[in-house]
PDB file of all heavy atoms in Angstrom:
ATOM      1  N   PRO A   1       0.710  -1.242  -0.070  1.00  0.00           N
ATOM      2  CA  PRO A   1      -0.072   0.001  -0.055  1.00  0.00           C
ATOM      3  C   PRO A   1       0.701   1.321  -0.054  1.00  0.00           C
ATOM      4  O   PRO A   1       0.295   2.289  -0.366  1.00  0.00           O
ATOM      5  CB  PRO A   1      -0.846  -0.043   1.258  1.00  0.00           C
ATOM      6  CG  PRO A   1      -0.760  -1.535   1.632  1.00  0.00           C
ATOM      7  CD  PRO A   1       0.567  -2.011   1.193  1.00  0.00           C
ATOM      8  N   TRP A   2       2.035   1.298   0.424  1.00  0.00           N
ATOM      9  CA  TRP A   2       2.842   2.422   0.604  1.00  0.00           C
ATOM     10  C   TRP A   2       4.059   2.510  -0.284  1.00  0.00           C
ATOM     11  O   TRP A   2       5.069   3.129  -0.113  1.00  0.00           O
ATOM     12  CB  TRP A   2       3.315   2.578   1.968  1.00  0.00           C
ATOM     13  CG  TRP A   2       2.219   2.701   2.954  1.00  0.00           C
ATOM     14  CD1 TRP A   2       1.360   3.699   3.154  1.00  0.00           C
ATOM     15  CD2 TRP A   2       1.721   1.657   3.917  1.00  0.00           C
ATOM     16  NE1 TRP A   2       0.422   3.339   4.149  1.00  0.00           N
ATOM     17  CE2 TRP A   2       0.599   1.991   4.441  1.00  0.00           C
ATOM     18  CE3 TRP A   2       2.089   0.229   4.014  1.00  0.00           C
ATOM     19  CZ2 TRP A   2      -0.159   1.326   5.482  1.00  0.00           C
ATOM     20  CZ3 TRP A   2       1.413  -0.500   4.998  1.00  0.00           C
ATOM     21  CH2 TRP A   2       0.269  -0.012   5.652  1.00  0.00           C
ATOM     22  N   LYS A   3       3.928   1.782  -1.484  1.00  0.00           N
ATOM     23  CA  LYS A   3       5.023   1.788  -2.418  1.00  0.00           C
ATOM     24  C   LYS A   3       5.241   3.205  -3.042  1.00  0.00           C
ATOM     25  O   LYS A   3       4.253   3.919  -3.114  1.00  0.00           O
ATOM     26  CB  LYS A   3       4.875   0.815  -3.590  1.00  0.00           C
ATOM     27  CG  LYS A   3       3.560   1.059  -4.435  1.00  0.00           C
ATOM     28  CD  LYS A   3       3.403   0.069  -5.549  1.00  0.00           C
ATOM     29  CE  LYS A   3       2.119   0.148  -6.305  1.00  0.00           C
ATOM     30  NZ  LYS A   3       1.942  -1.006  -7.202  1.00  0.00           N
ATOM     31  N   GLY A   4       6.498   3.600  -3.164  1.00  0.00           N
ATOM     32  CA  GLY A   4       6.881   4.939  -3.552  1.00  0.00           C
ATOM     33  C   GLY A   4       7.128   5.853  -2.419  1.00  0.00           C
ATOM     34  O   GLY A   4       7.595   7.006  -2.679  1.00  0.00           O
ATOM     35  N   TYR A   5       6.779   5.458  -1.324  1.00  0.00           N
ATOM     36  CA  TYR A   5       6.898   6.413  -0.098  1.00  0.00           C
ATOM     37  C   TYR A   5       8.406   6.486   0.105  1.00  0.00           C
ATOM     38  O   TYR A   5       9.156   5.629  -0.183  1.00  0.00           O
ATOM     39  CB  TYR A   5       6.249   5.873   1.216  1.00  0.00           C
ATOM     40  CG  TYR A   5       4.810   6.126   1.393  1.00  0.00           C
ATOM     41  CD1 TYR A   5       3.852   6.072   0.268  1.00  0.00           C
ATOM     42  CD2 TYR A   5       4.358   6.715   2.501  1.00  0.00           C
ATOM     43  CE1 TYR A   5       2.573   6.287   0.419  1.00  0.00           C
ATOM     44  CE2 TYR A   5       3.025   6.986   2.730  1.00  0.00           C
ATOM     45  CZ  TYR A   5       2.135   6.649   1.755  1.00  0.00           C
ATOM     46  OH  TYR A   5       0.838   6.990   1.878  1.00  0.00           O
ATOM     47  N   ALA A   6       8.759   7.545   0.870  1.00  0.00           N
ATOM     48  CA  ALA A   6      10.135   7.794   1.447  1.00  0.00           C
ATOM     49  C   ALA A   6      10.217   6.936   2.617  1.00  0.00           C
ATOM     50  O   ALA A   6       9.389   6.741   3.392  1.00  0.00           O
ATOM     51  CB  ALA A   6      10.451   9.344   1.607  1.00  0.00           C
ATOM     52  N   GLU A   7      11.460   6.393   2.712  1.00  0.00           N
ATOM     53  CA  GLU A   7      11.798   5.548   4.037  1.00  0.00           C
ATOM     54  C   GLU A   7      11.513   6.366   5.290  1.00  0.00           C
ATOM     55  O   GLU A   7      12.035   7.651   5.332  1.00  0.00           O
ATOM     56  CB  GLU A   7      13.177   5.093   4.028  1.00  0.00           C
ATOM     57  CG  GLU A   7      13.554   4.155   5.048  1.00  0.00           C
ATOM     58  CD  GLU A   7      14.943   3.638   5.160  1.00  0.00           C
ATOM     59  OE1 GLU A   7      15.790   4.435   4.677  1.00  0.00           O
ATOM     60  OE2 GLU A   7      15.172   2.513   5.530  1.00  0.00           O
ATOM     61  N   GLY A   8      10.848   5.917   6.220  1.00  0.00           N
ATOM     62  CA  GLY A   8      10.665   6.625   7.366  1.00  0.00           C
ATOM     63  C   GLY A   8       9.627   5.697   8.283  1.00  0.00           C
ATOM     64  O   GLY A   8       9.037   4.765   7.723  1.00  0.00           O
ATOM     65  N   PRO A   9       9.357   6.030   9.446  1.00  0.00           N
ATOM     66  CA  PRO A   9       8.465   5.293  10.332  1.00  0.00           C
ATOM     67  C   PRO A   9       6.956   5.357   9.853  1.00  0.00           C
ATOM     68  O   PRO A   9       6.430   6.287   9.468  1.00  0.00           O
ATOM     69  CB  PRO A   9       8.447   6.033  11.751  1.00  0.00           C
ATOM     70  CG  PRO A   9       9.735   6.838  11.689  1.00  0.00           C
ATOM     71  CD  PRO A   9       9.973   7.128  10.241  1.00  0.00           C
ATOM     72  N   ASN A  10       6.444   4.126   9.848  1.00  0.00           N
ATOM     73  CA  ASN A  10       5.112   3.890   9.451  1.00  0.00           C
ATOM     74  C   ASN A  10       4.249   3.993  10.704  1.00  0.00           C
ATOM     75  O   ASN A  10       4.293   3.065  11.433  1.00  0.00           O
ATOM     76  CB  ASN A  10       4.871   2.670   8.701  1.00  0.00           C
ATOM     77  CG  ASN A  10       3.436   2.439   8.093  1.00  0.00           C
ATOM     78  OD1 ASN A  10       2.576   3.081   8.609  1.00  0.00           O
ATOM     79  ND2 ASN A  10       3.288   1.587   7.086  1.00  0.00           N
ATOM     80  N   PRO A  11       3.459   5.068  11.033  1.00  0.00           N
ATOM     81  CA  PRO A  11       2.599   5.099  12.252  1.00  0.00           C
ATOM     82  C   PRO A  11       1.581   3.978  12.324  1.00  0.00           C
ATOM     83  O   PRO A  11       1.087   3.849  13.512  1.00  0.00           O
ATOM     84  CB  PRO A  11       2.091   6.547  12.242  1.00  0.00           C
ATOM     85  CG  PRO A  11       2.006   6.806  10.748  1.00  0.00           C
ATOM     86  CD  PRO A  11       3.181   6.128  10.072  1.00  0.00           C
ATOM     87  N   ILE A  12       1.232   3.332  11.286  1.00  0.00           N
ATOM     88  CA  ILE A  12       0.177   2.316  11.345  1.00  0.00           C
ATOM     89  C   ILE A  12       0.634   0.979  11.709  1.00  0.00           C
ATOM     90  O   ILE A  12       0.040   0.308  12.554  1.00  0.00           O
ATOM     91  CB  ILE A  12      -0.573   2.341   9.966  1.00  0.00           C
ATOM     92  CG1 ILE A  12      -1.260   3.578   9.571  1.00  0.00           C
ATOM     93  CG2 ILE A  12      -1.674   1.212   9.946  1.00  0.00           C
ATOM     94  CD1 ILE A  12      -1.855   3.613   8.218  1.00  0.00           C
ATOM     95  N   THR A  13       1.742   0.638  11.289  1.00  0.00           N
ATOM     96  CA  THR A  13       2.381  -0.728  11.454  1.00  0.00           C
ATOM     97  C   THR A  13       3.517  -0.695  12.457  1.00  0.00           C
ATOM     98  O   THR A  13       3.748  -1.733  13.103  1.00  0.00           O
ATOM     99  CB  THR A  13       2.941  -1.197  10.159  1.00  0.00           C
ATOM    100  OG1 THR A  13       4.089  -0.425   9.788  1.00  0.00           O
ATOM    101  CG2 THR A  13       1.955  -1.315   9.113  1.00  0.00           C
ATOM    102  N   GLY A  14       4.138   0.507  12.738  1.00  0.00           N
ATOM    103  CA  GLY A  14       5.310   0.483  13.684  1.00  0.00           C
ATOM    104  C   GLY A  14       6.644   0.125  13.050  1.00  0.00           C
ATOM    105  O   GLY A  14       7.575   0.148  13.672  1.00  0.00           O
ATOM    106  N   ALA A  15       6.586  -0.242  11.725  1.00  0.00           N
ATOM    107  CA  ALA A  15       7.771  -0.535  11.058  1.00  0.00           C
ATOM    108  C   ALA A  15       8.122   0.630  10.255  1.00  0.00           C
ATOM    109  O   ALA A  15       7.657   1.802  10.394  1.00  0.00           O
ATOM    110  CB  ALA A  15       7.532  -1.812  10.221  1.00  0.00           C
ATOM    111  N   TYR A  16       9.122   0.429   9.184  1.00  0.00           N
ATOM    112  CA  TYR A  16       9.455   1.577   8.336  1.00  0.00           C
ATOM    113  C   TYR A  16       8.909   1.367   6.923  1.00  0.00           C
ATOM    114  O   TYR A  16       9.033   0.289   6.389  1.00  0.00           O
ATOM    115  CB  TYR A  16      10.933   1.629   8.268  1.00  0.00           C
ATOM    116  CG  TYR A  16      11.512   2.450   9.423  1.00  0.00           C
ATOM    117  CD1 TYR A  16      11.407   2.181  10.654  1.00  0.00           C
ATOM    118  CD2 TYR A  16      12.275   3.641   9.116  1.00  0.00           C
ATOM    119  CE1 TYR A  16      11.951   2.829  11.741  1.00  0.00           C
ATOM    120  CE2 TYR A  16      12.766   4.359  10.149  1.00  0.00           C
ATOM    121  CZ  TYR A  16      12.676   4.106  11.467  1.00  0.00           C
ATOM    122  OH  TYR A  16      13.183   4.874  12.413  1.00  0.00           O
ATOM    123  N   TYR A  17       8.370   2.416   6.393  1.00  0.00           N
ATOM    124  CA  TYR A  17       7.990   2.367   4.973  1.00  0.00           C
ATOM    125  C   TYR A  17       9.043   1.770   4.078  1.00  0.00           C
ATOM    126  O   TYR A  17      10.162   2.011   4.238  1.00  0.00           O
ATOM    127  CB  TYR A  17       7.613   3.847   4.481  1.00  0.00           C
ATOM    128  CG  TYR A  17       6.411   4.473   5.087  1.00  0.00           C
ATOM    129  CD1 TYR A  17       6.537   5.751   5.674  1.00  0.00           C
ATOM    130  CD2 TYR A  17       5.135   3.823   5.122  1.00  0.00           C
ATOM    131  CE1 TYR A  17       5.406   6.382   6.131  1.00  0.00           C
ATOM    132  CE2 TYR A  17       4.040   4.496   5.559  1.00  0.00           C
ATOM    133  CZ  TYR A  17       4.217   5.791   6.224  1.00  0.00           C
ATOM    134  OH  TYR A  17       3.059   6.359   6.746  1.00  0.00           O
ATOM    135  N   VAL A  18       8.646   1.140   3.016  1.00  0.00           N
ATOM    136  CA  VAL A  18       9.438   0.606   2.045  1.00  0.00           C
ATOM    137  C   VAL A  18      10.562  -0.299   2.420  1.00  0.00           C
ATOM    138  O   VAL A  18      11.688  -0.171   1.851  1.00  0.00           O
ATOM    139  CB  VAL A  18       9.891   1.670   0.923  1.00  0.00           C
ATOM    140  CG1 VAL A  18       8.699   2.198   0.198  1.00  0.00           C
ATOM    141  CG2 VAL A  18      10.705   2.798   1.568  1.00  0.00           C
ATOM    142  N   ASN A  19      10.414  -0.837   3.705  1.00  0.00           N
ATOM    143  CA  ASN A  19      11.432  -1.841   4.127  1.00  0.00           C
ATOM    144  C   ASN A  19      10.728  -3.235   4.256  1.00  0.00           C
ATOM    145  O   ASN A  19       9.652  -3.490   4.035  1.00  0.00           O
ATOM    146  CB  ASN A  19      11.899  -1.472   5.473  1.00  0.00           C
ATOM    147  CG  ASN A  19      13.046  -0.509   5.525  1.00  0.00           C
ATOM    148  OD1 ASN A  19      14.086  -0.941   5.868  1.00  0.00           O
ATOM    149  ND2 ASN A  19      12.732   0.796   5.212  1.00  0.00           N
ATOM    150  N   CYS A  20      11.766  -4.253   4.379  1.00  0.00           N
ATOM    151  CA  CYS A  20      11.309  -5.669   4.320  1.00  0.00           C
ATOM    152  C   CYS A  20      10.310  -5.834   5.320  1.00  0.00           C
ATOM    153  O   CYS A  20       9.378  -6.713   5.202  1.00  0.00           O
ATOM    154  CB  CYS A  20      12.513  -6.499   4.400  1.00  0.00           C
ATOM    155  SG  CYS A  20      13.418  -6.363   6.026  1.00  0.00           S
ATOM    156  N   THR A  21      10.402  -5.324   6.663  1.00  0.00           N
ATOM    157  CA  THR A  21       9.486  -5.655   7.693  1.00  0.00           C
ATOM    158  C   THR A  21       8.131  -5.218   7.434  1.00  0.00           C
ATOM    159  O   THR A  21       7.097  -5.863   7.686  1.00  0.00           O
ATOM    160  CB  THR A  21      10.045  -5.202   8.945  1.00  0.00           C
ATOM    161  OG1 THR A  21      10.427  -3.733   8.803  1.00  0.00           O
ATOM    162  CG2 THR A  21      11.319  -5.891   9.433  1.00  0.00           C
ATOM    163  N   ASP A  22       8.054  -3.898   6.842  1.00  0.00           N
ATOM    164  CA  ASP A  22       6.800  -3.335   6.627  1.00  0.00           C
ATOM    165  C   ASP A  22       5.984  -4.191   5.568  1.00  0.00           C
ATOM    166  O   ASP A  22       4.715  -4.529   5.661  1.00  0.00           O
ATOM    167  CB  ASP A  22       6.868  -1.954   6.204  1.00  0.00           C
ATOM    168  CG  ASP A  22       5.575  -1.040   6.635  1.00  0.00           C
ATOM    169  OD1 ASP A  22       5.121  -1.202   7.710  1.00  0.00           O
ATOM    170  OD2 ASP A  22       5.200  -0.289   5.798  1.00  0.00           O
ATOM    171  N   PHE A  23       6.656  -4.554   4.586  1.00  0.00           N
ATOM    172  CA  PHE A  23       6.030  -5.295   3.341  1.00  0.00           C
ATOM    173  C   PHE A  23       5.586  -6.847   4.046  1.00  0.00           C
ATOM    174  O   PHE A  23       4.482  -7.173   3.613  1.00  0.00           O
ATOM    175  CB  PHE A  23       7.076  -5.606   2.161  1.00  0.00           C
ATOM    176  CG  PHE A  23       6.544  -6.467   1.284  1.00  0.00           C
ATOM    177  CD1 PHE A  23       5.532  -6.080   0.339  1.00  0.00           C
ATOM    178  CD2 PHE A  23       7.022  -7.822   1.077  1.00  0.00           C
ATOM    179  CE1 PHE A  23       5.072  -6.972  -0.647  1.00  0.00           C
ATOM    180  CE2 PHE A  23       6.614  -8.656   0.094  1.00  0.00           C
ATOM    181  CZ  PHE A  23       5.572  -8.314  -0.738  1.00  0.00           C
ATOM    182  N   SER A  24       6.550  -7.349   4.810  1.00  0.00           N
ATOM    183  CA  SER A  24       6.038  -8.726   5.249  1.00  0.00           C
ATOM    184  C   SER A  24       4.941  -8.577   6.255  1.00  0.00           C
ATOM    185  O   SER A  24       4.018  -9.570   6.320  1.00  0.00           O
ATOM    186  CB  SER A  24       7.220  -9.442   5.914  1.00  0.00           C
ATOM    187  OG  SER A  24       8.291  -9.673   5.041  1.00  0.00           O
ATOM    188  N   LEU A  25       4.885  -7.528   7.043  1.00  0.00           N
ATOM    189  CA  LEU A  25       3.664  -7.348   7.777  1.00  0.00           C
ATOM    190  C   LEU A  25       2.454  -7.205   7.009  1.00  0.00           C
ATOM    191  O   LEU A  25       1.310  -7.763   7.324  1.00  0.00           O
ATOM    192  CB  LEU A  25       3.823  -6.053   8.645  1.00  0.00           C
ATOM    193  CG  LEU A  25       4.520  -6.290  10.038  1.00  0.00           C
ATOM    194  CD1 LEU A  25       4.843  -4.816  10.746  1.00  0.00           C
ATOM    195  CD2 LEU A  25       3.590  -7.030  11.132  1.00  0.00           C
ATOM    196  N   TRP A  26       2.621  -6.458   5.778  1.00  0.00           N
ATOM    197  CA  TRP A  26       1.423  -6.367   5.018  1.00  0.00           C
ATOM    198  C   TRP A  26       0.893  -7.783   4.454  1.00  0.00           C
ATOM    199  O   TRP A  26      -0.293  -8.091   4.501  1.00  0.00           O
ATOM    200  CB  TRP A  26       1.697  -5.522   3.798  1.00  0.00           C
ATOM    201  CG  TRP A  26       0.854  -5.579   2.596  1.00  0.00           C
ATOM    202  CD1 TRP A  26       1.124  -5.769   1.270  1.00  0.00           C
ATOM    203  CD2 TRP A  26      -0.581  -5.198   2.550  1.00  0.00           C
ATOM    204  NE1 TRP A  26      -0.030  -5.779   0.532  1.00  0.00           N
ATOM    205  CE2 TRP A  26      -1.072  -5.334   1.312  1.00  0.00           C
ATOM    206  CE3 TRP A  26      -1.540  -4.720   3.616  1.00  0.00           C
ATOM    207  CZ2 TRP A  26      -2.321  -5.054   0.832  1.00  0.00           C
ATOM    208  CZ3 TRP A  26      -2.803  -4.506   3.230  1.00  0.00           C
ATOM    209  CH2 TRP A  26      -3.190  -4.577   1.967  1.00  0.00           C
ATOM    210  N   ARG A  27       1.853  -8.648   4.009  1.00  0.00           N
ATOM    211  CA  ARG A  27       1.577 -10.020   3.696  1.00  0.00           C
ATOM    212  C   ARG A  27       0.921 -10.822   4.857  1.00  0.00           C
ATOM    213  O   ARG A  27       0.016 -11.558   4.565  1.00  0.00           O
ATOM    214  CB  ARG A  27       2.813 -10.733   3.050  1.00  0.00           C
ATOM    215  CG  ARG A  27       3.212 -10.234   1.658  1.00  0.00           C
ATOM    216  CD  ARG A  27       2.212 -10.921   0.597  1.00  0.00           C
ATOM    217  NE  ARG A  27       2.663 -10.543  -0.686  1.00  0.00           N
ATOM    218  CZ  ARG A  27       2.190  -9.693  -1.502  1.00  0.00           C
ATOM    219  NH1 ARG A  27       1.121  -8.815  -0.999  1.00  0.00           N
ATOM    220  NH2 ARG A  27       2.677  -9.430  -2.718  1.00  0.00           N
ATOM    221  N   LEU A  28       1.521 -10.654   6.032  1.00  0.00           N
ATOM    222  CA  LEU A  28       0.909 -11.400   7.179  1.00  0.00           C
ATOM    223  C   LEU A  28      -0.548 -10.944   7.367  1.00  0.00           C
ATOM    224  O   LEU A  28      -1.339 -11.804   7.559  1.00  0.00           O
ATOM    225  CB  LEU A  28       1.870 -11.153   8.339  1.00  0.00           C
ATOM    226  CG  LEU A  28       1.114 -11.430   9.661  1.00  0.00           C
ATOM    227  CD1 LEU A  28       0.996 -12.961   9.787  1.00  0.00           C
ATOM    228  CD2 LEU A  28       2.105 -11.060  10.885  1.00  0.00           C
TER     229      LEU A  28
END
């Protein structure tokens, strides 16, 4: 959902935008 965002804290997930952890949380 946040592709193209600048890297930084994602307040919804608690991970970082466009990082491996945020993407994997999305899949989970």
